[in-house]
Amino acid sequence: MTAASITAGAAGRYATALFELASEAGSLDQTEADLKALGAAIKDSADLGSLMRDPIYTREQQGNAMGAIAAKMGLSPLVQNVIGLMASKRRLFAVPALISVFEALMADHRGEITAEVTAARPLSDTQANALIEQIKGAIGREVKLNVNVDEAIIGGLVVKVGSRMIDSSIRSRLANLQNAMKEVG
C-alpha cells in the first residue's frame, strides 16, 4: 500500500493531519489508544453508528452528541477536536475509515505490516505467535495479525500480506479439485 493510496480521500486527510499533530505533541500512542476505543464503541453501538451516518441529525446535534460521548470516554482533547471538526463538516461517516488509516500510518511508523488472516476457528496464542514468526521470517518486518473467523473455509488459512495472498483453505483446495475433475471429464 503506497502512502498516496493510504491518505486518499477525506478520511486520509483527517488521519494524516491527526497523525502529524499527535506526532508533534508526542501523543501518538495516546491518540492510537483513543481511536481504538472509539472504534470499539462504534462497533458495539448501533445508535452511535446511526448518529454518525444518518443525515437526519443536524451538524449541531451530531457535534453535541459526539462531544458528550468523547468527553464521557475520556478521549484526549486532540481526538475530541478532530471529531468535533468532522461533525461540523458533516464528515462523521468517515470516522471508521479515519481510524483504519491512522492505524495504517502508525503501523508504518513502527515498521510493522498487517497480515489479514482468515481462519475457520479462532487461533490460539501459540498458533498466532507461530504464524507471526513465519510471516516475519518471510518478509523481514514486524507483523501484526488481524484475524477474522469464517467457518466457510472449512479448515486451513487464508493469509493476505500487502498484495500477496496465500490461500491454504480446504474450501479452495476442494474448488481446485472440482475444477480439475471437470477438465478430465
Protein backbone atom coordinates (compact mmCIF):
# COMPACT_ATOMS: atom_id res chain seq x y z
CA MET A 1 0.00 0.00 0.00
CA THR A 2 1.53 3.30 -1.02
CA ALA A 3 1.37 6.43 1.08
CA ALA A 4 -0.73 8.07 -1.63
CA SER A 5 -3.35 5.32 -1.54
CA ILE A 6 -3.45 5.32 2.26
CA THR A 7 -4.11 9.02 2.52
CA ALA A 8 -6.59 9.37 -0.34
CA GLY A 9 -9.99 10.83 0.48
CA ALA A 10 -11.37 12.80 3.37
CA ALA A 11 -10.60 10.14 5.96
CA GLY A 12 -7.00 10.03 4.81
CA ARG A 13 -6.61 13.77 5.04
CA TYR A 14 -8.06 13.87 8.56
CA ALA A 15 -5.97 10.87 9.64
CA THR A 16 -2.78 12.37 8.22
CA ALA A 17 -3.42 15.70 9.94
CA LEU A 18 -4.22 13.92 13.22
CA PHE A 19 -1.08 11.79 12.90
CA GLU A 20 1.09 14.86 12.31
CA LEU A 21 -0.47 16.79 15.20
CA ALA A 22 -0.16 13.82 17.56
CA SER A 23 3.44 13.31 16.47
CA GLU A 24 4.29 16.96 17.17
CA ALA A 25 2.59 16.72 20.57
CA GLY A 26 4.33 13.43 21.40
CA SER A 27 0.98 11.72 21.88
CA LEU A 28 0.88 9.13 19.08
CA ASP A 29 0.30 6.20 21.45
CA GLN A 30 -2.47 8.02 23.36
CA THR A 31 -4.16 9.05 20.10
CA GLU A 32 -3.98 5.48 18.79
CA ALA A 33 -5.50 4.16 22.05
CA ASP A 34 -8.27 6.78 21.90
CA LEU A 35 -9.11 5.87 18.30
CA LYS A 36 -9.16 2.16 19.11
CA ALA A 37 -11.57 2.83 21.97
CA LEU A 38 -13.75 4.96 19.71
CA GLY A 39 -13.70 2.28 17.02
CA ALA A 40 -14.79 -0.35 19.55
CA ALA A 41 -17.61 1.93 20.72
CA ILE A 42 -18.78 2.41 17.13
CA LYS A 43 -18.79 -1.36 16.54
CA ASP A 44 -20.64 -2.03 19.79
CA SER A 45 -23.33 0.64 19.45
CA ALA A 46 -25.79 0.68 16.58
CA ASP A 47 -27.10 4.02 17.87
CA LEU A 48 -23.67 5.60 17.67
CA GLY A 49 -23.20 4.28 14.15
CA SER A 50 -26.59 5.67 13.19
CA LEU A 51 -25.72 9.07 14.68
CA MET A 52 -22.57 9.19 12.59
CA ARG A 53 -24.13 8.07 9.28
CA ASP A 54 -27.71 9.31 9.21
CA PRO A 55 -28.32 12.73 7.65
CA ILE A 56 -31.45 13.24 9.78
CA TYR A 57 -29.27 14.68 12.54
CA THR A 58 -28.14 18.28 12.23
CA ARG A 59 -24.49 19.29 12.46
CA GLU A 60 -25.22 20.74 15.87
CA GLN A 61 -26.91 17.55 17.11
CA GLN A 62 -24.07 15.41 15.82
CA GLY A 63 -21.43 17.74 17.25
CA ASN A 64 -23.09 17.95 20.68
CA ALA A 65 -23.66 14.20 20.88
CA MET A 66 -20.15 13.31 19.73
CA GLY A 67 -18.65 15.90 22.07
CA ALA A 68 -20.50 14.40 25.01
CA ILE A 69 -19.53 10.85 24.01
CA ALA A 70 -15.87 11.78 23.53
CA ALA A 71 -15.77 13.56 26.90
CA LYS A 72 -17.50 10.64 28.64
CA MET A 73 -14.99 8.23 27.08
CA GLY A 74 -12.12 10.43 28.29
CA LEU A 75 -10.68 10.91 24.81
CA SER A 76 -7.77 13.32 24.50
CA PRO A 77 -8.51 16.93 23.53
CA LEU A 78 -6.77 16.35 20.18
CA VAL A 79 -9.10 13.49 19.25
CA GLN A 80 -12.10 15.40 20.60
CA ASN A 81 -11.19 18.39 18.42
CA VAL A 82 -10.83 16.28 15.28
CA ILE A 83 -14.17 14.54 15.94
CA GLY A 84 -15.77 17.95 16.56
CA LEU A 85 -14.32 19.31 13.32
CA MET A 86 -15.57 16.29 11.40
CA ALA A 87 -19.03 16.75 12.91
CA SER A 88 -19.07 20.43 11.92
CA LYS A 89 -18.15 19.45 8.34
CA ARG A 90 -20.68 16.56 8.28
CA ARG A 91 -17.90 14.04 7.87
CA LEU A 92 -18.61 11.76 10.84
CA PHE A 93 -19.40 8.93 8.43
CA ALA A 94 -15.65 8.90 7.65
CA VAL A 95 -14.55 8.26 11.27
CA PRO A 96 -14.24 4.45 10.86
CA ALA A 97 -12.08 4.99 7.77
CA LEU A 98 -10.04 7.61 9.64
CA ILE A 99 -9.38 5.04 12.37
CA SER A 100 -8.24 2.46 9.80
CA VAL A 101 -5.95 4.93 8.03
CA PHE A 102 -4.50 6.14 11.33
CA GLU A 103 -3.76 2.52 12.32
CA ALA A 104 -2.01 2.00 8.97
CA LEU A 105 0.04 5.17 9.48
CA MET A 106 1.02 4.01 12.97
CA ALA A 107 1.99 0.56 11.70
CA ASP A 108 4.14 2.15 9.01
CA HIS A 109 5.67 4.46 11.64
CA ARG A 110 6.60 1.40 13.73
CA GLY A 111 7.84 -0.55 10.69
CA GLU A 112 5.02 -3.07 11.02
CA ILE A 113 2.90 -4.68 8.39
CA THR A 114 -0.57 -6.05 8.99
CA ALA A 115 -1.43 -9.54 7.84
CA GLU A 116 -5.12 -10.19 7.22
CA VAL A 117 -5.78 -13.77 8.27
CA THR A 118 -8.97 -15.73 7.76
CA ALA A 119 -9.27 -18.95 9.75
CA ALA A 120 -12.06 -21.48 10.25
CA ARG A 121 -11.68 -21.18 14.03
CA PRO A 122 -10.06 -18.60 16.33
CA LEU A 123 -6.30 -19.02 16.55
CA SER A 124 -4.71 -19.90 19.87
CA ASP A 125 -1.93 -17.66 21.15
CA THR A 126 0.61 -20.34 20.22
CA GLN A 127 -0.76 -20.60 16.67
CA ALA A 128 -0.89 -16.81 16.26
CA ASN A 129 2.70 -16.41 17.50
CA ALA A 130 3.93 -19.18 15.19
CA LEU A 131 2.17 -17.55 12.23
CA ILE A 132 3.65 -14.15 13.13
CA GLU A 133 7.15 -15.67 13.21
CA GLN A 134 6.63 -17.40 9.84
CA ILE A 135 5.44 -14.21 8.16
CA LYS A 136 8.14 -12.12 9.86
CA GLY A 137 10.78 -14.53 8.57
CA ALA A 138 9.39 -14.31 5.03
CA ILE A 139 9.08 -10.52 4.79
CA GLY A 140 11.62 -9.29 7.32
CA ARG A 141 9.31 -6.83 9.08
CA GLU A 142 7.35 -6.79 12.30
CA VAL A 143 3.91 -8.31 11.77
CA LYS A 144 0.55 -7.56 13.32
CA LEU A 145 -2.25 -10.07 12.74
CA ASN A 146 -5.83 -9.13 12.02
CA VAL A 147 -7.67 -12.44 12.36
CA ASN A 148 -11.19 -13.00 11.04
CA VAL A 149 -13.10 -16.23 11.57
CA ASP A 150 -15.00 -17.69 8.62
CA GLU A 151 -16.21 -21.26 9.11
CA ALA A 152 -16.99 -21.49 5.38
CA ILE A 153 -13.30 -22.05 4.60
CA ILE A 154 -13.68 -25.38 6.47
CA GLY A 155 -10.03 -25.51 7.55
CA GLY A 156 -6.61 -24.04 6.83
CA LEU A 157 -5.87 -20.34 6.48
CA VAL A 158 -6.12 -17.51 4.02
CA VAL A 159 -3.30 -15.03 4.66
CA LYS A 160 -3.05 -11.69 2.89
CA VAL A 161 0.02 -9.52 3.39
CA GLY A 162 0.04 -6.42 1.23
CA SER A 163 -0.72 -7.54 -2.31
CA ARG A 164 0.27 -11.17 -1.69
CA MET A 165 -2.27 -13.79 -0.71
CA ILE A 166 -1.73 -17.38 0.33
CA ASP A 167 -4.88 -19.49 0.34
CA SER A 168 -4.38 -22.86 2.02
CA SER A 169 -8.04 -23.27 2.93
CA ILE A 170 -9.80 -26.56 2.42
CA ARG A 171 -12.54 -24.70 0.54
CA SER A 172 -10.07 -23.55 -2.14
CA ARG A 173 -8.46 -26.99 -2.34
CA LEU A 174 -11.89 -28.55 -2.91
CA ALA A 175 -12.68 -25.94 -5.56
CA ASN A 176 -9.37 -26.70 -7.32
CA LEU A 177 -10.10 -30.41 -7.19
CA GLN A 178 -13.58 -29.83 -8.59
CA ASN A 179 -12.15 -27.77 -11.45
CA ALA A 180 -9.54 -30.43 -12.18
CA MET A 181 -12.25 -33.11 -12.30
CA LYS A 182 -14.32 -31.00 -14.73
CA GLU A 183 -11.33 -30.77 -17.06
CA VAL A 184 -10.82 -34.55 -17.04
CA GLY A 185 -14.48 -35.45 -17.61
